[in-house]
Amino acid sequence: MTRPRTPTAGPAVLLLALLLVVCAACTGGGTRGTDDGGPGGTAAGSAAPGDVTGHIVVASGRDVTGKNGIRQQLIDAWNLREQRGNSGFRARLVELPGSADEQRSQLLGALQSRSAAYDVVNLDVTWVPEFATADLIEPLPRNLVDADIIPSVAGTAWWDGEVYAVPFNSDVGLLYYRRDYLKRAGVERLDLGSDLKWNELRGLVEALDAESVPDAYEKGWTTQLAAYEGRTVNAVEAFASAVPGLELVDEKGRYTGDVDELTDGIAELRRRTETAYTLQDAHSSDEDASLSDFAEGRTAFLRHWPSEYRTLYRTFSEGRLGVAPLPGRAVLGGQNLAVTGVSQRKSKAAELIRFLTGKESERCLLEAGFAATRASAYEGGERCTVVGPGPSVSPTGEGADPVPRDAGGRPAYARDILLPALRKAVHRPRTPLYGAFTQTFITRLGPLHGDGAPSDEVLAEQLDKALRKALPR
């Protein structure tokens, strides 16, 4: 049986069909993509509609893994992929000088004045609400923050119901300690586990003080209590440990604390930093100073960040140095990548972020010394292959890799110490006015020690009054 023939389309029909195809191809999304589309899904070698080809400029602070560090190597790997695909896009990393506060000021000024052509900015996790509220960064596809990202870390990506900045590398307070000092003091337990309490830490300090230890030793522990963000971090850790579930602001950034909670937090901070246990110089120390004091043997315990794991193992052998979760609650740190509102390459910039924060890249970041944001980086068996083989993913010219590693090439402490610490970590208050919050904490907690220090209750009342003035209610 002969089937009926389909009528041949005439010129007008063919023209209409062609126009429909062209119009469909011209329909493109901005950075407000849905979970299954939008920026970040563009294949290498292609350009999203509206994107201007050229360099995607990434502004970031210093890479702790050194010159030509892992961040630059990941960007080089993405550039090689784009070159092979002949996309017309390249990424360029610009490291901002100065402290974190100075970098924040530089970025705010540059984006508000549109004086710098930054497409991607690497933001401290505390800055995300501020930059989002000021419309300096763009909402991103929600699927950039998937279930593999550690939940506490994933929370830093969101503001006002949108994903604004994707976790790139994380951070959390840890406790470094001198195993050799503890051994000389007759302490049998040289591997301090995740269940260490502050009272037990004080007991260890008392044991050290009662025994013969090296002449360099002065006091039990040190941390960062100078008049900068380090003081706020230590205070929030003490407050969160003393008041379980403490929330000083709500989801809108409005102040919700009260004098009783602040009193309990101040009392805990005072206990942790009293002169009987704390190196006197801690009250004027930042990260560099406290690290030097610990490395010089002036103290047996140090509160610091994961980035110093590699640094300290250049000085100490594994038999002399240990690391454990910080007793109580530890503050979450880290940096997140965001697309700027002034970028002319928003879709391609989001694709770059997808690459830099993907599973393979996060494994490379972990092996190089950063705290990775994805659980798979700690639990999977794969090695970093994006930028090169083995543990030397961050060649700094400093010789052989000193870091103790597990069979998979990760830092030995990563899975059992760092990952649980990240999962339990607490956020600093999330508010667009974080600068006002931290400055209030830094200023009002300054008189905690020294002659004529006010009582916990008086200091709490002063702090509560100042926070009510600095933050909305």
Protein backbone atom coordinates (compact mmCIF):
# COMPACT_ATOMS: atom_id res chain seq x y z
CA MET A 1 0.00 0.00 0.00
CA THR A 2 1.35 3.37 -0.98
CA ARG A 3 1.45 5.92 1.83
CA PRO A 4 0.16 9.42 1.11
CA ARG A 5 2.93 11.83 0.28
CA THR A 6 3.55 14.75 2.68
CA PRO A 7 3.10 18.02 0.83
CA THR A 8 6.37 19.80 0.16
CA ALA A 9 6.77 22.96 2.25
CA GLY A 10 6.76 26.14 0.28
CA PRO A 11 9.32 28.99 0.58
CA ALA A 12 7.15 30.96 3.06
CA VAL A 13 6.85 27.95 5.40
CA LEU A 14 10.58 27.29 5.26
CA LEU A 15 11.34 30.95 6.04
CA LEU A 16 8.99 30.90 9.03
CA ALA A 17 10.60 27.72 10.37
CA LEU A 18 14.06 29.24 9.98
CA LEU A 19 13.02 32.38 11.87
CA LEU A 20 11.64 30.28 14.73
CA VAL A 21 14.94 28.37 15.02
CA VAL A 22 16.95 31.60 15.02
CA CYS A 23 14.72 33.18 17.67
CA ALA A 24 14.98 30.10 19.88
CA ALA A 25 18.77 30.19 19.61
CA CYS A 26 18.81 33.88 20.56
CA THR A 27 16.90 33.29 23.79
CA GLY A 28 19.54 33.30 26.55
CA GLY A 29 19.49 33.43 30.34
CA GLY A 30 21.33 35.83 32.58
CA THR A 31 22.90 34.71 35.81
CA ARG A 32 19.51 34.09 37.42
CA GLY A 33 19.37 30.59 35.95
CA THR A 34 17.26 27.71 37.21
CA ASP A 35 18.59 24.53 38.74
CA ASP A 36 18.86 22.78 35.39
CA GLY A 37 20.06 25.59 33.19
CA GLY A 38 21.57 29.03 33.11
CA PRO A 39 25.21 29.97 33.42
CA GLY A 40 27.76 27.40 34.40
CA GLY A 41 26.51 24.85 31.93
CA THR A 42 28.12 26.34 28.84
CA ALA A 43 30.53 23.90 27.24
CA ALA A 44 34.17 24.82 26.72
CA GLY A 45 34.65 26.46 23.36
CA SER A 46 31.26 28.20 23.35
CA ALA A 47 30.09 31.62 24.48
CA ALA A 48 26.81 32.35 26.23
CA PRO A 49 24.59 34.97 24.56
CA GLY A 50 25.50 38.44 25.77
CA ASP A 51 28.96 37.51 27.07
CA VAL A 52 31.88 39.54 25.69
CA THR A 53 34.87 37.35 24.90
CA GLY A 54 38.12 38.16 26.63
CA HIS A 55 39.70 37.80 30.05
CA ILE A 56 37.63 36.87 33.11
CA VAL A 57 39.41 38.75 35.90
CA VAL A 58 39.33 37.02 39.29
CA ALA A 59 40.14 39.24 42.29
CA SER A 60 41.32 37.40 45.39
CA GLY A 61 43.44 37.66 48.50
CA ARG A 62 46.79 35.95 48.91
CA ASP A 63 47.05 32.25 48.10
CA VAL A 64 48.41 30.55 51.23
CA THR A 65 49.93 27.76 49.11
CA GLY A 66 52.56 30.17 47.78
CA LYS A 67 53.71 31.63 44.49
CA ASN A 68 52.10 29.86 41.56
CA GLY A 69 49.86 28.25 44.17
CA ILE A 70 46.92 25.94 43.69
CA ARG A 71 44.44 28.69 42.79
CA GLN A 72 46.62 29.84 39.91
CA GLN A 73 47.19 26.26 38.82
CA LEU A 74 43.44 25.61 38.69
CA ILE A 75 42.93 28.73 36.63
CA ASP A 76 45.73 27.62 34.31
CA ALA A 77 43.96 24.27 33.89
CA TRP A 78 40.70 26.01 32.96
CA ASN A 79 42.54 28.28 30.52
CA LEU A 80 44.08 25.25 28.81
CA ARG A 81 40.61 23.74 28.40
CA GLU A 82 39.30 26.99 26.91
CA GLN A 83 42.30 27.29 24.60
CA ARG A 84 41.71 23.80 23.26
CA GLY A 85 38.07 24.66 22.70
CA ASN A 86 38.98 27.96 21.02
CA SER A 87 36.36 29.76 23.12
CA GLY A 88 37.96 33.20 23.15
CA PHE A 89 37.86 33.29 26.97
CA ARG A 90 40.71 33.19 29.45
CA ALA A 91 40.81 33.73 33.22
CA ARG A 92 43.33 35.93 35.00
CA LEU A 93 43.97 35.92 38.75
CA VAL A 94 44.66 39.25 40.47
CA GLU A 95 45.87 39.02 44.08
CA LEU A 96 44.89 41.99 46.22
CA PRO A 97 47.45 43.31 48.71
CA GLY A 98 46.90 44.07 52.36
CA SER A 99 44.88 42.58 55.18
CA ALA A 100 41.40 41.13 54.81
CA ASP A 101 39.84 44.43 55.92
CA GLU A 102 41.91 46.32 53.37
CA GLN A 103 40.91 43.88 50.63
CA ARG A 104 37.23 44.29 51.52
CA SER A 105 37.58 48.07 51.24
CA GLN A 106 39.36 47.75 47.89
CA LEU A 107 36.65 45.50 46.47
CA LEU A 108 33.79 47.65 47.77
CA GLY A 109 35.35 50.79 46.32
CA ALA A 110 36.16 49.18 42.97
CA LEU A 111 32.72 47.63 42.46
CA GLN A 112 30.73 50.63 43.67
CA SER A 113 32.70 53.04 41.48
CA ARG A 114 32.96 50.55 38.60
CA SER A 115 36.65 51.48 38.46
CA ALA A 116 37.99 47.90 38.17
CA ALA A 117 36.91 45.30 35.62
CA TYR A 118 36.54 42.40 38.05
CA ASP A 119 34.31 39.57 36.83
CA VAL A 120 34.73 37.22 39.80
CA VAL A 121 35.54 38.16 43.38
CA ASN A 122 36.74 35.82 46.12
CA LEU A 123 34.86 37.00 49.22
CA ASP A 124 35.35 36.19 52.87
CA VAL A 125 32.25 34.31 53.98
CA THR A 126 31.25 37.19 56.28
CA TRP A 127 31.12 39.65 53.36
CA VAL A 128 28.54 37.83 51.23
CA PRO A 129 25.38 39.42 52.74
CA GLU A 130 26.88 42.91 52.45
CA PHE A 131 27.91 42.56 48.80
CA ALA A 132 24.61 40.88 47.89
CA THR A 133 22.45 43.51 49.59
CA ALA A 134 24.38 46.26 47.81
CA ASP A 135 23.77 44.54 44.41
CA LEU A 136 27.51 44.26 43.83
CA ILE A 137 27.30 40.53 43.09
CA GLU A 138 24.79 38.51 41.05
CA PRO A 139 22.50 35.63 42.03
CA LEU A 140 23.83 32.33 40.71
CA PRO A 141 22.22 29.01 39.69
CA ARG A 142 21.24 27.09 42.79
CA ASN A 143 22.71 23.87 41.48
CA LEU A 144 26.19 25.34 41.99
CA VAL A 145 25.65 24.51 45.67
CA ASP A 146 24.80 20.81 45.69
CA ALA A 147 24.47 18.14 48.38
CA ASP A 148 28.18 17.30 48.27
CA ILE A 149 29.11 20.64 49.84
CA ILE A 150 29.42 20.35 53.62
CA PRO A 151 26.13 21.73 55.03
CA SER A 152 27.70 24.27 57.39
CA VAL A 153 29.82 25.54 54.52
CA ALA A 154 26.93 25.59 52.05
CA GLY A 155 25.07 27.96 54.36
CA THR A 156 27.58 30.70 53.58
CA ALA A 157 26.51 30.75 49.91
CA TRP A 158 22.97 31.99 50.52
CA TRP A 159 21.41 35.33 51.24
CA ASP A 160 17.76 36.34 51.07
CA GLY A 161 16.77 33.07 49.39
CA GLU A 162 19.37 33.20 46.61
CA VAL A 163 22.81 31.68 46.01
CA TYR A 164 25.22 34.58 45.68
CA ALA A 165 28.68 33.09 46.26
CA VAL A 166 29.87 29.50 45.87
CA PRO A 167 32.19 28.05 48.56
CA PHE A 168 35.72 27.85 47.17
CA ASN A 169 37.85 26.99 50.20
CA SER A 170 36.75 26.73 53.79
CA ASP A 171 38.40 27.31 57.18
CA VAL A 172 37.79 26.39 60.81
CA GLY A 173 39.56 26.93 64.11
CA LEU A 174 41.84 24.04 65.17
CA LEU A 175 44.06 23.26 68.15
CA TYR A 176 47.76 22.65 67.42
CA TYR A 177 49.86 21.28 70.26
CA ARG A 178 53.36 20.14 71.18
CA ARG A 179 53.42 16.38 71.71
CA ASP A 180 57.00 16.54 72.96
CA TYR A 181 56.06 19.03 75.70
CA LEU A 182 53.21 16.82 76.87
CA LYS A 183 55.48 13.77 76.91
CA ARG A 184 58.07 15.58 79.04
CA ALA A 185 55.32 16.55 81.48
CA GLY A 186 54.36 12.89 81.90
CA VAL A 187 51.09 13.12 79.98
CA GLU A 188 50.17 9.68 78.66
CA ARG A 189 47.55 10.76 76.14
CA LEU A 190 49.52 12.37 73.32
CA ASP A 191 46.75 12.11 70.71
CA LEU A 192 44.13 14.61 71.80
CA GLY A 193 40.82 13.53 70.32
CA SER A 194 37.61 15.24 69.34
CA ASP A 195 36.21 14.97 72.86
CA LEU A 196 38.74 17.29 74.51
CA LYS A 197 37.08 19.82 76.84
CA TRP A 198 38.41 23.23 77.87
CA ASN A 199 38.70 22.11 81.49
CA GLU A 200 40.88 19.21 80.34
CA LEU A 201 43.03 21.60 78.33
CA ARG A 202 43.50 23.72 81.45
CA GLY A 203 44.52 20.56 83.32
CA LEU A 204 47.15 19.81 80.68
CA VAL A 205 48.52 23.32 81.04
CA GLU A 206 48.74 22.87 84.81
CA ALA A 207 50.64 19.61 84.26
CA LEU A 208 53.09 21.42 82.00
CA ASP A 209 53.56 24.23 84.51
CA ALA A 210 54.34 21.70 87.26
CA GLU A 211 57.06 19.89 85.32
CA SER A 212 60.41 20.73 83.80
CA VAL A 213 59.89 21.93 80.24
CA PRO A 214 62.28 23.74 77.87
CA ASP A 215 63.44 27.21 78.87
CA ALA A 216 61.55 28.80 75.98
CA TYR A 217 58.20 27.74 77.46
CA GLU A 218 56.23 30.53 79.19
CA LYS A 219 52.49 29.83 79.27
CA GLY A 220 50.08 27.11 78.19
CA TRP A 221 48.40 28.44 75.09
CA THR A 222 48.10 31.35 72.70
CA THR A 223 45.60 32.67 70.21
CA GLN A 224 44.71 35.88 68.36
CA LEU A 225 43.27 38.58 70.63
CA ALA A 226 44.61 41.79 69.07
CA ALA A 227 42.13 44.50 68.07
CA TYR A 228 41.12 42.97 64.74
CA GLU A 229 38.92 40.13 63.44
CA GLY A 230 40.86 37.55 65.45
CA ARG A 231 39.37 38.93 68.66
CA THR A 232 35.85 38.60 67.22
CA VAL A 233 36.52 35.01 66.11
CA ASN A 234 37.75 33.97 69.56
CA ALA A 235 34.80 35.71 71.20
CA VAL A 236 32.21 34.06 68.96
CA GLU A 237 33.78 30.65 69.66
CA ALA A 238 33.53 31.27 73.39
CA PHE A 239 29.99 32.63 73.17
CA ALA A 240 28.78 29.72 71.03
CA SER A 241 30.38 27.22 73.41
CA ALA A 242 28.81 28.83 76.48
CA VAL A 243 25.32 29.31 75.00
CA PRO A 244 24.29 26.33 72.81
CA GLY A 245 22.27 27.43 69.81
CA LEU A 246 23.19 31.08 70.28
CA GLU A 247 22.00 33.30 67.42
CA LEU A 248 22.95 36.96 67.78
CA VAL A 249 21.12 37.90 64.58
CA ASP A 250 18.14 36.49 62.69
CA GLU A 251 17.93 35.53 59.00
CA LYS A 252 17.56 39.20 58.06
CA GLY A 253 20.61 40.27 60.02
CA ARG A 254 18.62 41.88 62.85
CA TYR A 255 20.08 41.77 66.37
CA THR A 256 18.41 39.20 68.62
CA GLY A 257 20.84 38.84 71.55
CA ASP A 258 20.24 39.69 75.19
CA VAL A 259 22.31 40.63 78.22
CA ASP A 260 22.09 37.20 79.89
CA GLU A 261 23.49 35.41 76.83
CA LEU A 262 26.23 37.98 76.42
CA THR A 263 27.16 37.66 80.10
CA ASP A 264 27.60 33.90 79.78
CA GLY A 265 29.67 34.34 76.64
CA ILE A 266 31.94 36.97 78.16
CA ALA A 267 32.48 34.79 81.24
CA GLU A 268 33.59 31.91 79.02
CA LEU A 269 35.90 34.16 77.00
CA ARG A 270 37.45 35.47 80.22
CA ARG A 271 38.06 31.91 81.47
CA ARG A 272 39.75 30.92 78.21
CA THR A 273 42.08 33.90 78.12
CA GLU A 274 43.00 34.51 81.74
CA THR A 275 46.68 35.12 82.40
CA ALA A 276 47.24 31.93 84.38
CA TYR A 277 46.96 29.91 81.17
CA THR A 278 47.38 32.32 78.26
CA LEU A 279 50.58 33.77 76.85
CA GLN A 280 50.55 37.48 77.64
CA ASP A 281 51.44 38.39 74.06
CA ALA A 282 48.22 36.75 72.85
CA HIS A 283 46.36 39.93 73.75
CA SER A 284 48.28 41.80 71.06
CA SER A 285 48.75 38.90 68.62
CA ASP A 286 47.42 38.27 65.15
CA GLU A 287 47.82 35.04 63.14
CA ASP A 288 51.48 35.61 62.29
CA ALA A 289 52.55 36.60 65.79
CA SER A 290 50.78 33.72 67.54
CA LEU A 291 52.22 31.25 65.02
CA SER A 292 55.73 32.54 65.67
CA ASP A 293 55.29 32.28 69.44
CA PHE A 294 54.18 28.67 69.11
CA ALA A 295 56.96 27.77 66.70
CA GLU A 296 59.53 29.29 69.07
CA GLY A 297 58.32 27.03 71.86
CA ARG A 298 56.91 29.76 74.11
CA THR A 299 53.63 27.89 74.42
CA ALA A 300 52.32 24.34 74.08
CA PHE A 301 48.90 24.99 72.51
CA LEU A 302 47.84 27.21 69.62
CA ARG A 303 44.44 28.06 68.17
CA HIS A 304 44.92 28.55 64.43
CA TRP A 305 43.61 27.68 60.94
CA PRO A 306 44.13 24.61 58.71
CA SER A 307 46.42 26.55 56.37
CA GLU A 308 49.15 26.41 59.02
CA TYR A 309 49.23 22.60 59.06
CA ARG A 310 51.71 22.62 56.18
CA THR A 311 53.68 25.52 57.65
CA LEU A 312 54.13 23.93 61.06
CA TYR A 313 55.25 20.60 59.64
CA ARG A 314 58.17 22.40 58.02
CA THR A 315 59.32 23.16 61.57
CA PHE A 316 58.20 20.13 63.57
CA SER A 317 58.21 16.40 62.99
CA GLU A 318 55.03 14.39 63.41
CA GLY A 319 56.35 13.11 66.73
CA ARG A 320 56.57 16.66 68.10
CA LEU A 321 53.41 18.22 66.65
CA GLY A 322 49.76 17.29 66.96
CA VAL A 323 46.47 18.77 65.81
CA ALA A 324 42.95 18.29 67.15
CA PRO A 325 39.53 19.90 66.90
CA LEU A 326 39.25 23.01 69.03
CA PRO A 327 37.45 22.25 72.31
CA GLY A 328 33.91 23.58 72.29
CA ARG A 329 32.63 25.28 69.15
CA ALA A 330 34.92 26.58 66.41
CA VAL A 331 34.18 29.39 63.99
CA LEU A 332 33.78 28.70 60.27
CA GLY A 333 35.90 30.77 57.92
CA GLY A 334 36.72 30.56 54.26
CA GLN A 335 36.18 32.30 50.93
CA ASN A 336 33.42 32.10 48.34
CA LEU A 337 33.45 32.98 44.64
CA ALA A 338 30.87 35.43 43.28
CA VAL A 339 30.11 37.04 39.91
CA THR A 340 30.13 40.83 39.98
CA GLY A 341 27.31 43.01 38.80
CA VAL A 342 29.66 44.91 36.47
CA SER A 343 30.94 41.83 34.66
CA GLN A 344 30.40 41.63 30.91
CA ARG A 345 30.94 37.88 31.05
CA LYS A 346 28.50 36.79 33.71
CA SER A 347 27.56 33.42 32.25
CA LYS A 348 31.10 32.40 31.42
CA ALA A 349 32.27 33.67 34.82
CA ALA A 350 29.72 31.38 36.47
CA GLU A 351 31.05 28.51 34.38
CA LEU A 352 34.55 29.28 35.66
CA ILE A 353 33.21 29.18 39.23
CA ARG A 354 31.61 25.81 38.54
CA PHE A 355 35.02 24.48 37.47
CA LEU A 356 36.98 26.02 40.36
CA THR A 357 34.54 24.68 42.97
CA GLY A 358 33.90 21.26 41.41
CA LYS A 359 34.82 17.91 42.93
CA GLU A 360 38.17 17.55 41.19
CA SER A 361 39.25 21.10 42.00
CA GLU A 362 38.25 20.75 45.66
CA ARG A 363 40.35 17.61 45.97
CA CYS A 364 43.32 19.55 44.59
CA LEU A 365 42.71 22.37 47.06
CA LEU A 366 42.69 19.88 49.94
CA GLU A 367 45.91 18.19 48.87
CA ALA A 368 47.57 21.60 48.52
CA GLY A 369 46.68 22.69 52.06
CA PHE A 370 43.28 24.40 51.92
CA ALA A 371 40.21 23.11 53.73
CA ALA A 372 38.04 21.75 50.91
CA THR A 373 34.34 22.58 50.85
CA ARG A 374 33.10 19.21 49.52
CA ALA A 375 32.73 16.01 51.56
CA SER A 376 33.86 13.93 48.56
CA ALA A 377 37.30 15.55 48.73
CA TYR A 378 37.81 13.96 52.17
CA GLU A 379 36.04 10.65 51.61
CA GLY A 380 36.82 9.66 48.02
CA GLY A 381 39.88 7.74 46.92
CA GLU A 382 40.70 9.77 43.82
CA ARG A 383 43.84 11.87 43.62
CA CYS A 384 44.17 15.39 42.26
CA THR A 385 44.66 15.09 38.51
CA VAL A 386 43.45 18.51 37.33
CA VAL A 387 46.76 20.28 37.86
CA GLY A 388 49.35 17.54 38.17
CA PRO A 389 50.35 14.46 40.11
CA GLY A 390 50.99 13.77 43.76
CA PRO A 391 51.20 15.96 46.83
CA SER A 392 53.36 18.59 45.13
CA VAL A 393 50.35 20.36 43.64
CA SER A 394 51.69 23.62 45.01
CA PRO A 395 55.38 23.89 44.13
CA THR A 396 56.81 26.72 46.22
CA GLY A 397 60.47 25.85 45.79
CA GLU A 398 60.76 24.86 49.44
CA GLY A 399 61.89 21.28 48.96
CA ALA A 400 60.22 17.99 49.71
CA ASP A 401 56.64 17.90 50.89
CA PRO A 402 56.71 17.84 54.73
CA VAL A 403 53.04 17.07 55.29
CA PRO A 404 52.00 13.69 56.79
CA ARG A 405 49.56 12.15 54.30
CA ASP A 406 47.18 9.25 54.13
CA ALA A 407 47.28 6.54 51.46
CA GLY A 408 45.13 8.70 49.17
CA GLY A 409 47.48 11.69 49.29
CA ARG A 410 45.35 13.85 51.58
CA PRO A 411 46.84 15.53 54.65
CA ALA A 412 46.70 12.85 57.35
CA TYR A 413 44.38 14.87 59.61
CA ALA A 414 41.89 15.75 56.88
CA ARG A 415 39.27 13.03 57.18
CA ASP A 416 39.16 12.41 60.92
CA ILE A 417 39.89 15.87 62.31
CA LEU A 418 39.33 18.60 59.72
CA LEU A 419 36.11 17.29 58.17
CA PRO A 420 34.29 16.74 61.52
CA ALA A 421 35.46 20.18 62.67
CA LEU A 422 33.97 21.79 59.56
CA ARG A 423 30.69 19.96 60.04
CA LYS A 424 30.36 21.23 63.62
CA ALA A 425 31.58 24.77 62.95
CA VAL A 426 29.46 27.81 63.75
CA HIS A 427 28.92 30.90 61.63
CA ARG A 428 29.75 34.38 62.71
CA PRO A 429 26.59 36.54 62.58
CA ARG A 430 25.38 36.79 58.98
CA THR A 431 24.38 40.39 58.37
CA PRO A 432 24.97 43.05 55.69
CA LEU A 433 26.32 45.15 58.55
CA TYR A 434 28.94 42.62 59.63
CA GLY A 435 31.60 45.34 59.63
CA ALA A 436 29.63 47.22 62.27
CA PHE A 437 29.09 44.04 64.28
CA THR A 438 32.75 43.00 64.38
CA GLN A 439 33.96 46.52 65.13
CA THR A 440 31.54 46.65 68.07
CA PHE A 441 32.80 43.30 69.38
CA ILE A 442 36.46 44.30 68.95
CA THR A 443 35.99 47.62 70.73
CA ARG A 444 33.69 46.58 73.57
CA LEU A 445 35.63 43.43 74.47
CA GLY A 446 38.95 45.28 74.61
CA PRO A 447 38.70 46.03 78.37
CA LEU A 448 38.13 42.35 79.25
CA HIS A 449 41.61 42.00 80.73
CA GLY A 450 43.91 44.31 82.54
CA ASP A 451 43.66 46.63 85.52
CA GLY A 452 40.18 47.87 86.29
CA ALA A 453 38.44 45.42 83.95
CA PRO A 454 34.65 45.65 84.32
CA SER A 455 32.61 42.68 85.54
CA ASP A 456 31.04 40.26 83.08
CA GLU A 457 27.59 41.75 83.72
CA VAL A 458 28.70 45.36 83.19
CA LEU A 459 30.62 44.48 80.04
CA ALA A 460 27.61 42.54 78.71
CA GLU A 461 25.30 45.50 79.27
CA GLN A 462 27.70 47.78 77.43
CA LEU A 463 28.05 45.30 74.56
CA ASP A 464 24.29 44.80 74.30
CA LYS A 465 23.68 48.54 74.15
CA ALA A 466 26.33 48.99 71.47
CA LEU A 467 24.99 46.12 69.34
CA ARG A 468 21.45 47.51 69.55
CA LYS A 469 22.82 50.77 68.18
CA ALA A 470 24.99 49.17 65.46
CA LEU A 471 22.47 46.64 64.09
CA PRO A 472 18.77 46.83 63.18
CA ARG A 473 16.25 45.11 65.43
